Amino acid sequence: MGYKYRKPIKSSLTSVETVEGEPIEHKIERIVSNKEPISDGAPEIFTERKEGVKSAYNIRTDRWEIASEAMSKVEGSIQAKRDAKGKISKKDESKVIELKVDKKDSGAKPTEGTSKAE
């Protein structure tokens, strides 16, 4: 029982452009020698003790409440979009026009099937 050759499947995925970072040793040397301030880093999440811990960074926070509040806001915006689509503005209103057709003077002759039905 032999294996059959399969053509490789071509994908539409593309590679991410990679960039080589600066080694930490070179970065520290550059900052110290040029006396540059340290500009990059993570945001400071420290708060004063009297302010307490931010709920976004508290590991004991029930994130379900935060997520449900966020989803209710999203749900409200989706519903508002649906309501806006349902409303018709005055410039978009269409008028109903009645078409009056006189059957006797239409000029069309009945076919064999319709003449028997009458």
PDB file of N, CA and C in Angstrom:
ATOM      1  N   MET A   1       0.846  -1.166   0.000  1.00  0.00           N
ATOM      2  CA  MET A   1       0.000   0.000   0.000  1.00  0.00           C
ATOM      3  C   MET A   1       0.895   1.234   0.000  1.00  0.00           C
ATOM      4  N   GLY A   2       0.913   1.963  -1.100  1.00  0.00           N
ATOM      5  CA  GLY A   2       1.783   3.127  -1.224  1.00  0.00           C
ATOM      6  C   GLY A   2       1.028   4.416  -0.956  1.00  0.00           C
ATOM      7  N   TYR A   3       1.794   5.438  -0.718  1.00  0.00           N
ATOM      8  CA  TYR A   3       1.218   6.750  -0.474  1.00  0.00           C
ATOM      9  C   TYR A   3       1.107   7.519  -1.770  1.00  0.00           C
ATOM     10  N   LYS A   4       0.028   8.259  -1.920  1.00  0.00           N
ATOM     11  CA  LYS A   4      -0.162   9.070  -3.111  1.00  0.00           C
ATOM     12  C   LYS A   4       0.398  10.463  -2.851  1.00  0.00           C
ATOM     13  N   TYR A   5       0.960  11.059  -3.892  1.00  0.00           N
ATOM     14  CA  TYR A   5       1.508  12.404  -3.788  1.00  0.00           C
ATOM     15  C   TYR A   5       0.363  13.412  -3.787  1.00  0.00           C
ATOM     16  N   ARG A   6       0.394  14.342  -2.868  1.00  0.00           N
ATOM     17  CA  ARG A   6      -0.612  15.400  -2.817  1.00  0.00           C
ATOM     18  C   ARG A   6       0.052  16.722  -3.156  1.00  0.00           C
ATOM     19  N   LYS A   7      -0.650  17.524  -3.927  1.00  0.00           N
ATOM     20  CA  LYS A   7      -0.135  18.852  -4.210  1.00  0.00           C
ATOM     21  C   LYS A   7      -0.248  19.694  -2.951  1.00  0.00           C
ATOM     22  N   PRO A   8       0.735  20.527  -2.679  1.00  0.00           N
ATOM     23  CA  PRO A   8       0.615  21.395  -1.499  1.00  0.00           C
ATOM     24  C   PRO A   8      -0.503  22.423  -1.707  1.00  0.00           C
ATOM     25  N   ILE A   9      -1.229  22.676  -0.656  1.00  0.00           N
ATOM     26  CA  ILE A   9      -2.334  23.621  -0.723  1.00  0.00           C
ATOM     27  C   ILE A   9      -1.779  25.027  -0.557  1.00  0.00           C
ATOM     28  N   LYS A  10      -2.099  25.890  -1.513  1.00  0.00           N
ATOM     29  CA  LYS A  10      -1.635  27.269  -1.433  1.00  0.00           C
ATOM     30  C   LYS A  10      -2.612  28.047  -0.558  1.00  0.00           C
ATOM     31  N   SER A  11      -2.062  28.833   0.318  1.00  0.00           N
ATOM     32  CA  SER A  11      -2.878  29.586   1.264  1.00  0.00           C
ATOM     33  C   SER A  11      -2.808  31.068   0.937  1.00  0.00           C
ATOM     34  N   SER A  12      -3.823  31.797   1.339  1.00  0.00           N
ATOM     35  CA  SER A  12      -3.840  33.246   1.138  1.00  0.00           C
ATOM     36  C   SER A  12      -3.230  33.981   2.329  1.00  0.00           C
ATOM     37  N   LEU A  13      -2.733  33.234   3.308  1.00  0.00           N
ATOM     38  CA  LEU A  13      -2.114  33.864   4.462  1.00  0.00           C
ATOM     39  C   LEU A  13      -0.765  34.452   4.072  1.00  0.00           C
ATOM     40  N   THR A  14      -0.483  35.613   4.632  1.00  0.00           N
ATOM     41  CA  THR A  14       0.802  36.248   4.347  1.00  0.00           C
ATOM     42  C   THR A  14       1.605  36.355   5.629  1.00  0.00           C
ATOM     43  N   SER A  15       2.889  36.456   5.483  1.00  0.00           N
ATOM     44  CA  SER A  15       3.776  36.528   6.624  1.00  0.00           C
ATOM     45  C   SER A  15       3.757  37.926   7.225  1.00  0.00           C
ATOM     46  N   VAL A  16       4.010  37.998   8.502  1.00  0.00           N
ATOM     47  CA  VAL A  16       4.101  39.275   9.189  1.00  0.00           C
ATOM     48  C   VAL A  16       5.511  39.809   9.018  1.00  0.00           C
ATOM     49  N   GLU A  17       5.624  41.104   8.776  1.00  0.00           N
ATOM     50  CA  GLU A  17       6.943  41.698   8.613  1.00  0.00           C
ATOM     51  C   GLU A  17       7.648  41.711   9.966  1.00  0.00           C
ATOM     52  N   THR A  18       8.803  41.099  10.019  1.00  0.00           N
ATOM     53  CA  THR A  18       9.534  41.017  11.280  1.00  0.00           C
ATOM     54  C   THR A  18      10.569  42.135  11.356  1.00  0.00           C
ATOM     55  N   VAL A  19      10.783  42.615  12.559  1.00  0.00           N
ATOM     56  CA  VAL A  19      11.754  43.677  12.799  1.00  0.00           C
ATOM     57  C   VAL A  19      12.652  43.218  13.932  1.00  0.00           C
ATOM     58  N   GLU A  20      13.950  43.337  13.741  1.00  0.00           N
ATOM     59  CA  GLU A  20      14.891  42.943  14.779  1.00  0.00           C
ATOM     60  C   GLU A  20      14.954  44.041  15.829  1.00  0.00           C
ATOM     61  N   GLY A  21      14.765  43.679  17.074  1.00  0.00           N
ATOM     62  CA  GLY A  21      14.794  44.641  18.165  1.00  0.00           C
ATOM     63  C   GLY A  21      16.206  44.946  18.627  1.00  0.00           C
ATOM     64  N   GLU A  22      16.331  45.999  19.411  1.00  0.00           N
ATOM     65  CA  GLU A  22      17.623  46.399  19.957  1.00  0.00           C
ATOM     66  C   GLU A  22      17.893  45.572  21.216  1.00  0.00           C
ATOM     67  N   PRO A  23      19.055  44.954  21.316  1.00  0.00           N
ATOM     68  CA  PRO A  23      19.357  44.178  22.531  1.00  0.00           C
ATOM     69  C   PRO A  23      19.351  45.094  23.764  1.00  0.00           C
ATOM     70  N   ILE A  24      18.954  44.554  24.890  1.00  0.00           N
ATOM     71  CA  ILE A  24      18.822  45.330  26.122  1.00  0.00           C
ATOM     72  C   ILE A  24      20.149  45.936  26.563  1.00  0.00           C
ATOM     73  N   GLU A  25      21.252  45.223  26.314  1.00  0.00           N
ATOM     74  CA  GLU A  25      22.562  45.751  26.696  1.00  0.00           C
ATOM     75  C   GLU A  25      22.887  47.031  25.941  1.00  0.00           C
ATOM     76  N   HIS A  26      22.593  47.026  24.617  1.00  0.00           N
ATOM     77  CA  HIS A  26      22.846  48.208  23.796  1.00  0.00           C
ATOM     78  C   HIS A  26      21.918  49.364  24.196  1.00  0.00           C
ATOM     79  N   LYS A  27      20.697  49.026  24.522  1.00  0.00           N
ATOM     80  CA  LYS A  27      19.730  50.050  24.905  1.00  0.00           C
ATOM     81  C   LYS A  27      20.146  50.728  26.210  1.00  0.00           C
ATOM     82  N   ILE A  28      20.552  49.951  27.193  1.00  0.00           N
ATOM     83  CA  ILE A  28      20.981  50.513  28.475  1.00  0.00           C
ATOM     84  C   ILE A  28      22.214  51.377  28.280  1.00  0.00           C
ATOM     85  N   GLU A  29      23.164  50.893  27.476  1.00  0.00           N
ATOM     86  CA  GLU A  29      24.382  51.661  27.212  1.00  0.00           C
ATOM     87  C   GLU A  29      24.041  52.991  26.533  1.00  0.00           C
ATOM     88  N   ARG A  30      23.123  52.963  25.560  1.00  0.00           N
ATOM     89  CA  ARG A  30      22.712  54.178  24.863  1.00  0.00           C
ATOM     90  C   ARG A  30      22.047  55.159  25.812  1.00  0.00           C
ATOM     91  N   ILE A  31      21.149  54.690  26.677  1.00  0.00           N
ATOM     92  CA  ILE A  31      20.428  55.561  27.609  1.00  0.00           C
ATOM     93  C   ILE A  31      21.387  56.178  28.624  1.00  0.00           C
ATOM     94  N   VAL A  32      22.320  55.378  29.131  1.00  0.00           N
ATOM     95  CA  VAL A  32      23.268  55.874  30.137  1.00  0.00           C
ATOM     96  C   VAL A  32      24.245  56.868  29.519  1.00  0.00           C
ATOM     97  N   SER A  33      24.777  56.544  28.344  1.00  0.00           N
ATOM     98  CA  SER A  33      25.786  57.420  27.741  1.00  0.00           C
ATOM     99  C   SER A  33      25.176  58.730  27.238  1.00  0.00           C
ATOM    100  N   ASN A  34      23.962  58.695  26.704  1.00  0.00           N
ATOM    101  CA  ASN A  34      23.315  59.912  26.185  1.00  0.00           C
ATOM    102  C   ASN A  34      22.476  60.623  27.237  1.00  0.00           C
ATOM    103  N   LYS A  35      22.333  60.015  28.398  1.00  0.00           N
ATOM    104  CA  LYS A  35      21.512  60.541  29.497  1.00  0.00           C
ATOM    105  C   LYS A  35      20.077  60.832  29.043  1.00  0.00           C
ATOM    106  N   GLU A  36      19.528  59.876  28.300  1.00  0.00           N
ATOM    107  CA  GLU A  36      18.150  59.975  27.798  1.00  0.00           C
ATOM    108  C   GLU A  36      17.180  59.509  28.879  1.00  0.00           C
ATOM    109  N   PRO A  37      15.999  60.095  28.915  1.00  0.00           N
ATOM    110  CA  PRO A  37      14.987  59.560  29.835  1.00  0.00           C
ATOM    111  C   PRO A  37      14.415  58.256  29.282  1.00  0.00           C
ATOM    112  N   ILE A  38      13.977  57.391  30.154  1.00  0.00           N
ATOM    113  CA  ILE A  38      13.374  56.123  29.729  1.00  0.00           C
ATOM    114  C   ILE A  38      11.952  56.445  29.296  1.00  0.00           C
ATOM    115  N   SER A  39      11.700  56.324  28.005  1.00  0.00           N
ATOM    116  CA  SER A  39      10.408  56.751  27.461  1.00  0.00           C
ATOM    117  C   SER A  39       9.427  55.597  27.262  1.00  0.00           C
ATOM    118  N   ASP A  40       9.912  54.410  27.033  1.00  0.00           N
ATOM    119  CA  ASP A  40       8.995  53.295  26.800  1.00  0.00           C
ATOM    120  C   ASP A  40       8.851  52.452  28.058  1.00  0.00           C
ATOM    121  N   GLY A  41       7.744  51.766  28.134  1.00  0.00           N
ATOM    122  CA  GLY A  41       7.495  50.904  29.284  1.00  0.00           C
ATOM    123  C   GLY A  41       6.004  50.691  29.465  1.00  0.00           C
ATOM    124  N   ALA A  42       5.659  49.925  30.455  1.00  0.00           N
ATOM    125  CA  ALA A  42       4.264  49.620  30.737  1.00  0.00           C
ATOM    126  C   ALA A  42       3.625  50.779  31.506  1.00  0.00           C
ATOM    127  N   PRO A  43       2.317  50.962  31.362  1.00  0.00           N
ATOM    128  CA  PRO A  43       1.654  52.019  32.127  1.00  0.00           C
ATOM    129  C   PRO A  43       1.678  51.697  33.623  1.00  0.00           C
ATOM    130  N   GLU A  44       1.749  52.723  34.427  1.00  0.00           N
ATOM    131  CA  GLU A  44       1.827  52.529  35.872  1.00  0.00           C
ATOM    132  C   GLU A  44       0.429  52.262  36.413  1.00  0.00           C
ATOM    133  N   ILE A  45       0.264  51.158  37.111  1.00  0.00           N
ATOM    134  CA  ILE A  45      -1.047  50.802  37.646  1.00  0.00           C
ATOM    135  C   ILE A  45      -1.114  50.977  39.157  1.00  0.00           C
ATOM    136  N   PHE A  46      -0.083  51.558  39.711  1.00  0.00           N
ATOM    137  CA  PHE A  46      -0.046  51.776  41.147  1.00  0.00           C
ATOM    138  C   PHE A  46      -1.036  52.871  41.531  1.00  0.00           C
ATOM    139  N   THR A  47      -1.767  52.651  42.608  1.00  0.00           N
ATOM    140  CA  THR A  47      -2.666  53.676  43.149  1.00  0.00           C
ATOM    141  C   THR A  47      -2.348  53.854  44.628  1.00  0.00           C
ATOM    142  N   GLU A  48      -2.708  54.984  45.125  1.00  0.00           N
ATOM    143  CA  GLU A  48      -2.505  55.236  46.551  1.00  0.00           C
ATOM    144  C   GLU A  48      -3.363  54.265  47.353  1.00  0.00           C
ATOM    145  N   ARG A  49      -2.932  53.954  48.545  1.00  0.00           N
ATOM    146  CA  ARG A  49      -3.647  52.996  49.381  1.00  0.00           C
ATOM    147  C   ARG A  49      -5.057  53.490  49.708  1.00  0.00           C
ATOM    148  N   LYS A  50      -5.199  54.792  49.924  1.00  0.00           N
ATOM    149  CA  LYS A  50      -6.510  55.337  50.272  1.00  0.00           C
ATOM    150  C   LYS A  50      -7.488  55.256  49.097  1.00  0.00           C
ATOM    151  N   GLU A  51      -6.971  55.227  47.848  1.00  0.00           N
ATOM    152  CA  GLU A  51      -7.822  55.107  46.660  1.00  0.00           C
ATOM    153  C   GLU A  51      -8.265  53.670  46.424  1.00  0.00           C
ATOM    154  N   GLY A  52      -7.519  52.739  46.943  1.00  0.00           N
ATOM    155  CA  GLY A  52      -7.851  51.335  46.757  1.00  0.00           C
ATOM    156  C   GLY A  52      -7.282  50.788  45.463  1.00  0.00           C
ATOM    157  N   VAL A  53      -7.647  49.570  45.145  1.00  0.00           N
ATOM    158  CA  VAL A  53      -7.145  48.890  43.959  1.00  0.00           C
ATOM    159  C   VAL A  53      -8.135  49.117  42.825  1.00  0.00           C
ATOM    160  N   LYS A  54      -7.616  49.427  41.631  1.00  0.00           N
ATOM    161  CA  LYS A  54      -8.480  49.590  40.464  1.00  0.00           C
ATOM    162  C   LYS A  54      -9.099  48.236  40.130  1.00  0.00           C
ATOM    163  N   SER A  55     -10.387  48.244  39.809  1.00  0.00           N
ATOM    164  CA  SER A  55     -11.076  46.975  39.545  1.00  0.00           C
ATOM    165  C   SER A  55     -10.536  46.289  38.298  1.00  0.00           C
ATOM    166  N   ALA A  56     -10.009  47.062  37.357  1.00  0.00           N
ATOM    167  CA  ALA A  56      -9.471  46.459  36.139  1.00  0.00           C
ATOM    168  C   ALA A  56      -8.222  45.631  36.422  1.00  0.00           C
ATOM    169  N   TYR A  57      -7.495  45.973  37.510  1.00  0.00           N
ATOM    170  CA  TYR A  57      -6.259  45.276  37.829  1.00  0.00           C
ATOM    171  C   TYR A  57      -6.379  44.379  39.059  1.00  0.00           C
ATOM    172  N   ASN A  58      -7.548  44.326  39.655  1.00  0.00           N
ATOM    173  CA  ASN A  58      -7.752  43.513  40.848  1.00  0.00           C
ATOM    174  C   ASN A  58      -8.060  42.083  40.432  1.00  0.00           C
ATOM    175  N   ILE A  59      -7.275  41.137  40.900  1.00  0.00           N
ATOM    176  CA  ILE A  59      -7.500  39.741  40.510  1.00  0.00           C
ATOM    177  C   ILE A  59      -8.741  39.166  41.179  1.00  0.00           C
ATOM    178  N   ARG A  60      -9.241  39.830  42.196  1.00  0.00           N
ATOM    179  CA  ARG A  60     -10.423  39.338  42.910  1.00  0.00           C
ATOM    180  C   ARG A  60     -11.726  39.920  42.364  1.00  0.00           C
ATOM    181  N   THR A  61     -11.657  40.784  41.385  1.00  0.00           N
ATOM    182  CA  THR A  61     -12.844  41.422  40.834  1.00  0.00           C
ATOM    183  C   THR A  61     -13.628  40.413  40.006  1.00  0.00           C
ATOM    184  N   ASP A  62     -14.921  40.479  40.131  1.00  0.00           N
ATOM    185  CA  ASP A  62     -15.774  39.635  39.314  1.00  0.00           C
ATOM    186  C   ASP A  62     -15.894  40.296  37.942  1.00  0.00           C
ATOM    187  N   ARG A  63     -15.223  39.756  36.981  1.00  0.00           N
ATOM    188  CA  ARG A  63     -15.191  40.368  35.653  1.00  0.00           C
ATOM    189  C   ARG A  63     -16.476  40.122  34.872  1.00  0.00           C
ATOM    190  N   TRP A  64     -17.328  39.234  35.366  1.00  0.00           N
ATOM    191  CA  TRP A  64     -18.592  38.970  34.684  1.00  0.00           C
ATOM    192  C   TRP A  64     -19.454  40.227  34.663  1.00  0.00           C
ATOM    193  N   GLU A  65     -19.485  40.967  35.771  1.00  0.00           N
ATOM    194  CA  GLU A  65     -20.283  42.190  35.830  1.00  0.00           C
ATOM    195  C   GLU A  65     -19.751  43.226  34.846  1.00  0.00           C
ATOM    196  N   ILE A  66     -18.448  43.370  34.780  1.00  0.00           N
ATOM    197  CA  ILE A  66     -17.841  44.330  33.852  1.00  0.00           C
ATOM    198  C   ILE A  66     -18.158  43.942  32.415  1.00  0.00           C
ATOM    199  N   ALA A  67     -18.048  42.654  32.104  1.00  0.00           N
ATOM    200  CA  ALA A  67     -18.318  42.185  30.741  1.00  0.00           C
ATOM    201  C   ALA A  67     -19.789  42.345  30.384  1.00  0.00           C
ATOM    202  N   SER A  68     -20.692  42.076  31.335  1.00  0.00           N
ATOM    203  CA  SER A  68     -22.116  42.200  31.033  1.00  0.00           C
ATOM    204  C   SER A  68     -22.510  43.659  30.817  1.00  0.00           C
ATOM    205  N   GLU A  69     -21.899  44.586  31.561  1.00  0.00           N
ATOM    206  CA  GLU A  69     -22.167  46.006  31.341  1.00  0.00           C
ATOM    207  C   GLU A  69     -21.693  46.440  29.959  1.00  0.00           C
ATOM    208  N   ALA A  70     -20.516  45.976  29.574  1.00  0.00           N
ATOM    209  CA  ALA A  70     -19.981  46.323  28.253  1.00  0.00           C
ATOM    210  C   ALA A  70     -20.862  45.746  27.147  1.00  0.00           C
ATOM    211  N   MET A  71     -21.320  44.517  27.316  1.00  0.00           N
ATOM    212  CA  MET A  71     -22.158  43.898  26.294  1.00  0.00           C
ATOM    213  C   MET A  71     -23.533  44.553  26.213  1.00  0.00           C
ATOM    214  N   SER A  72     -24.062  45.048  27.326  1.00  0.00           N
ATOM    215  CA  SER A  72     -25.346  45.741  27.264  1.00  0.00           C
ATOM    216  C   SER A  72     -25.215  47.056  26.490  1.00  0.00           C
ATOM    217  N   LYS A  73     -24.056  47.719  26.600  1.00  0.00           N
ATOM    218  CA  LYS A  73     -23.820  48.929  25.804  1.00  0.00           C
ATOM    219  C   LYS A  73     -23.761  48.589  24.322  1.00  0.00           C
ATOM    220  N   VAL A  74     -23.080  47.498  23.990  1.00  0.00           N
ATOM    221  CA  VAL A  74     -22.981  47.069  22.593  1.00  0.00           C
ATOM    222  C   VAL A  74     -24.362  46.699  22.064  1.00  0.00           C
ATOM    223  N   GLU A  75     -25.125  45.976  22.869  1.00  0.00           N
ATOM    224  CA  GLU A  75     -26.469  45.572  22.466  1.00  0.00           C
ATOM    225  C   GLU A  75     -27.349  46.788  22.220  1.00  0.00           C
ATOM    226  N   GLY A  76     -27.218  47.800  23.069  1.00  0.00           N
ATOM    227  CA  GLY A  76     -27.993  49.029  22.891  1.00  0.00           C
ATOM    228  C   GLY A  76     -27.645  49.749  21.607  1.00  0.00           C
ATOM    229  N   SER A  77     -26.373  49.784  21.255  1.00  0.00           N
ATOM    230  CA  SER A  77     -25.984  50.459  20.013  1.00  0.00           C
ATOM    231  C   SER A  77     -26.474  49.689  18.790  1.00  0.00           C
ATOM    232  N   ILE A  78     -26.460  48.362  18.856  1.00  0.00           N
ATOM    233  CA  ILE A  78     -26.968  47.554  17.746  1.00  0.00           C
ATOM    234  C   ILE A  78     -28.469  47.776  17.583  1.00  0.00           C
ATOM    235  N   GLN A  79     -29.185  47.823  18.697  1.00  0.00           N
ATOM    236  CA  GLN A  79     -30.626  48.054  18.632  1.00  0.00           C
ATOM    237  C   GLN A  79     -30.936  49.438  18.081  1.00  0.00           C
ATOM    238  N   ALA A  80     -30.136  50.430  18.442  1.00  0.00           N
ATOM    239  CA  ALA A  80     -30.338  51.785  17.924  1.00  0.00           C
ATOM    240  C   ALA A  80     -30.134  51.823  16.410  1.00  0.00           C
ATOM    241  N   LYS A  81     -29.156  51.080  15.914  1.00  0.00           N
ATOM    242  CA  LYS A  81     -28.934  51.016  14.465  1.00  0.00           C
ATOM    243  C   LYS A  81     -30.116  50.359  13.766  1.00  0.00           C
ATOM    244  N   ARG A  82     -30.659  49.300  14.379  1.00  0.00           N
ATOM    245  CA  ARG A  82     -31.815  48.626  13.783  1.00  0.00           C
ATOM    246  C   ARG A  82     -33.021  49.550  13.745  1.00  0.00           C
ATOM    247  N   ASP A  83     -33.234  50.297  14.830  1.00  0.00           N
ATOM    248  CA  ASP A  83     -34.359  51.220  14.875  1.00  0.00           C
ATOM    249  C   ASP A  83     -34.203  52.327  13.839  1.00  0.00           C
ATOM    250  N   ALA A  84     -32.975  52.786  13.634  1.00  0.00           N
ATOM    251  CA  ALA A  84     -32.727  53.847  12.662  1.00  0.00           C
ATOM    252  C   ALA A  84     -32.992  53.358  11.245  1.00  0.00           C
ATOM    253  N   LYS A  85     -32.697  52.090  10.969  1.00  0.00           N
ATOM    254  CA  LYS A  85     -32.973  51.547   9.635  1.00  0.00           C
ATOM    255  C   LYS A  85     -34.478  51.423   9.394  1.00  0.00           C
ATOM    256  N   GLY A  86     -35.235  51.162  10.448  1.00  0.00           N
ATOM    257  CA  GLY A  86     -36.667  50.981  10.304  1.00  0.00           C
ATOM    258  C   GLY A  86     -37.423  52.269  10.038  1.00  0.00           C
ATOM    259  N   LYS A  87     -36.875  53.375  10.471  1.00  0.00           N
ATOM    260  CA  LYS A  87     -37.533  54.656  10.259  1.00  0.00           C
ATOM    261  C   LYS A  87     -37.279  55.135   8.836  1.00  0.00           C
ATOM    262  N   ILE A  88     -38.331  55.674   8.222  1.00  0.00           N
ATOM    263  CA  ILE A  88     -38.207  56.194   6.868  1.00  0.00           C
ATOM    264  C   ILE A  88     -38.241  57.708   6.949  1.00  0.00           C
ATOM    265  N   SER A  89     -37.237  58.331   6.375  1.00  0.00           N
ATOM    266  CA  SER A  89     -37.227  59.793   6.379  1.00  0.00           C
ATOM    267  C   SER A  89     -38.196  60.307   5.320  1.00  0.00           C
ATOM    268  N   LYS A  90     -38.570  61.588   5.410  1.00  0.00           N
ATOM    269  CA  LYS A  90     -39.556  62.156   4.495  1.00  0.00           C
ATOM    270  C   LYS A  90     -39.077  62.147   3.054  1.00  0.00           C
ATOM    271  N   LYS A  91     -37.779  62.325   2.840  1.00  0.00           N
ATOM    272  CA  LYS A  91     -37.288  62.337   1.467  1.00  0.00           C
ATOM    273  C   LYS A  91     -37.271  60.940   0.855  1.00  0.00           C
ATOM    274  N   ASP A  92     -37.258  59.897   1.678  1.00  0.00           N
ATOM    275  CA  ASP A  92     -37.226  58.530   1.177  1.00  0.00           C
ATOM    276  C   ASP A  92     -38.616  57.912   1.020  1.00  0.00           C
ATOM    277  N   GLU A  93     -39.658  58.650   1.417  1.00  0.00           N
ATOM    278  CA  GLU A  93     -40.999  58.087   1.328  1.00  0.00           C
ATOM    279  C   GLU A  93     -41.371  57.871  -0.129  1.00  0.00           C
ATOM    280  N   SER A  94     -42.032  56.780  -0.392  1.00  0.00           N
ATOM    281  CA  SER A  94     -42.464  56.493  -1.757  1.00  0.00           C
ATOM    282  C   SER A  94     -43.967  56.680  -1.851  1.00  0.00           C
ATOM    283  N   LYS A  95     -44.420  57.062  -3.009  1.00  0.00           N
ATOM    284  CA  LYS A  95     -45.844  57.296  -3.228  1.00  0.00           C
ATOM    285  C   LYS A  95     -46.425  56.121  -3.983  1.00  0.00           C
ATOM    286  N   VAL A  96     -47.669  55.801  -3.660  1.00  0.00           N
ATOM    287  CA  VAL A  96     -48.366  54.735  -4.350  1.00  0.00           C
ATOM    288  C   VAL A  96     -49.169  55.362  -5.469  1.00  0.00           C
ATOM    289  N   ILE A  97     -48.944  54.889  -6.666  1.00  0.00           N
ATOM    290  CA  ILE A  97     -49.661  55.410  -7.832  1.00  0.00           C
ATOM    291  C   ILE A  97     -50.568  54.310  -8.338  1.00  0.00           C
ATOM    292  N   GLU A  98     -51.838  54.644  -8.497  1.00  0.00           N
ATOM    293  CA  GLU A  98     -52.788  53.663  -9.024  1.00  0.00           C
ATOM    294  C   GLU A  98     -52.710  53.670 -10.540  1.00  0.00           C
ATOM    295  N   LEU A  99     -52.645  52.510 -11.112  1.00  0.00           N
ATOM    296  CA  LEU A  99     -52.566  52.370 -12.551  1.00  0.00           C
ATOM    297  C   LEU A  99     -53.954  52.020 -13.054  1.00  0.00           C
ATOM    298  N   LYS A 100     -54.495  52.888 -13.871  1.00  0.00           N
ATOM    299  CA  LYS A 100     -55.834  52.646 -14.421  1.00  0.00           C
ATOM    300  C   LYS A 100     -55.685  52.058 -15.809  1.00  0.00           C
ATOM    301  N   VAL A 101     -56.242  50.881 -15.975  1.00  0.00           N
ATOM    302  CA  VAL A 101     -56.150  50.189 -17.263  1.00  0.00           C
ATOM    303  C   VAL A 101     -57.567  49.900 -17.730  1.00  0.00           C
ATOM    304  N   ASP A 102     -57.853  50.308 -18.930  1.00  0.00           N
ATOM    305  CA  ASP A 102     -59.156  50.010 -19.519  1.00  0.00           C
ATOM    306  C   ASP A 102     -59.011  48.703 -20.278  1.00  0.00           C
ATOM    307  N   LYS A 103     -59.666  47.652 -19.806  1.00  0.00           N
ATOM    308  CA  LYS A 103     -59.488  46.319 -20.384  1.00  0.00           C
ATOM    309  C   LYS A 103     -60.040  46.228 -21.810  1.00  0.00           C
ATOM    310  N   LYS A 104     -61.070  46.998 -22.096  1.00  0.00           N
ATOM    311  CA  LYS A 104     -61.675  46.904 -23.428  1.00  0.00           C
ATOM    312  C   LYS A 104     -60.790  47.525 -24.499  1.00  0.00           C
ATOM    313  N   ASP A 105     -60.069  48.563 -24.181  1.00  0.00           N
ATOM    314  CA  ASP A 105     -59.286  49.271 -25.179  1.00  0.00           C
ATOM    315  C   ASP A 105     -57.787  48.965 -25.076  1.00  0.00           C
ATOM    316  N   SER A 106     -57.426  47.863 -24.480  1.00  0.00           N
ATOM    317  CA  SER A 106     -56.012  47.577 -24.305  1.00  0.00           C
ATOM    318  C   SER A 106     -55.349  47.148 -25.601  1.00  0.00           C
ATOM    319  N   GLY A 107     -56.111  46.676 -26.569  1.00  0.00           N
ATOM    320  CA  GLY A 107     -55.537  46.288 -27.844  1.00  0.00           C
ATOM    321  C   GLY A 107     -55.035  44.865 -27.865  1.00  0.00           C
ATOM    322  N   ALA A 108     -55.058  44.179 -26.744  1.00  0.00           N
ATOM    323  CA  ALA A 108     -54.591  42.803 -26.702  1.00  0.00           C
ATOM    324  C   ALA A 108     -55.755  41.869 -26.949  1.00  0.00           C
ATOM    325  N   LYS A 109     -55.498  40.841 -27.721  1.00  0.00           N
ATOM    326  CA  LYS A 109     -56.540  39.858 -28.011  1.00  0.00           C
ATOM    327  C   LYS A 109     -56.369  38.689 -27.051  1.00  0.00           C
ATOM    328  N   PRO A 110     -57.461  38.158 -26.558  1.00  0.00           N
ATOM    329  CA  PRO A 110     -57.351  37.035 -25.640  1.00  0.00           C
ATOM    330  C   PRO A 110     -56.832  35.797 -26.358  1.00  0.00           C
ATOM    331  N   THR A 111     -56.117  34.976 -25.625  1.00  0.00           N
ATOM    332  CA  THR A 111     -55.640  33.715 -26.205  1.00  0.00           C
ATOM    333  C   THR A 111     -56.747  32.694 -26.101  1.00  0.00           C
ATOM    334  N   GLU A 112     -56.485  31.556 -26.628  1.00  0.00           N
ATOM    335  CA  GLU A 112     -57.486  30.512 -26.679  1.00  0.00           C
ATOM    336  C   GLU A 112     -57.907  30.080 -25.274  1.00  0.00           C
ATOM    337  N   GLY A 113     -56.966  29.972 -24.355  1.00  0.00           N
ATOM    338  CA  GLY A 113     -57.278  29.512 -23.006  1.00  0.00           C
ATOM    339  C   GLY A 113     -58.084  30.529 -22.228  1.00  0.00           C
ATOM    340  N   THR A 114     -57.817  31.821 -22.397  1.00  0.00           N
ATOM    341  CA  THR A 114     -58.547  32.819 -21.628  1.00  0.00           C
ATOM    342  C   THR A 114     -59.915  33.101 -22.196  1.00  0.00           C
ATOM    343  N   SER A 115     -60.100  32.923 -23.483  1.00  0.00           N
ATOM    344  CA  SER A 115     -61.422  33.187 -24.074  1.00  0.00           C
ATOM    345  C   SER A 115     -62.432  32.143 -23.637  1.00  0.00           C
ATOM    346  N   LYS A 116     -62.026  30.908 -23.388  1.00  0.00           N
ATOM    347  CA  LYS A 116     -62.915  29.849 -22.946  1.00  0.00           C
ATOM    348  C   LYS A 116     -63.293  30.037 -21.473  1.00  0.00           C
ATOM    349  N   ALA A 117     -62.375  30.631 -20.710  1.00  0.00           N
ATOM    350  CA  ALA A 117     -62.615  30.797 -19.273  1.00  0.00           C
ATOM    351  C   ALA A 117     -63.703  31.832 -19.022  1.00  0.00           C
ATOM    352  N   GLU A 118     -63.892  32.767 -19.920  1.00  0.00           N
ATOM    353  CA  GLU A 118     -64.886  33.821 -19.707  1.00  0.00           C
ATOM    354  C   GLU A 118     -66.221  33.346 -19.944  1.00  0.00           C
TER     355      GLU A 118
END
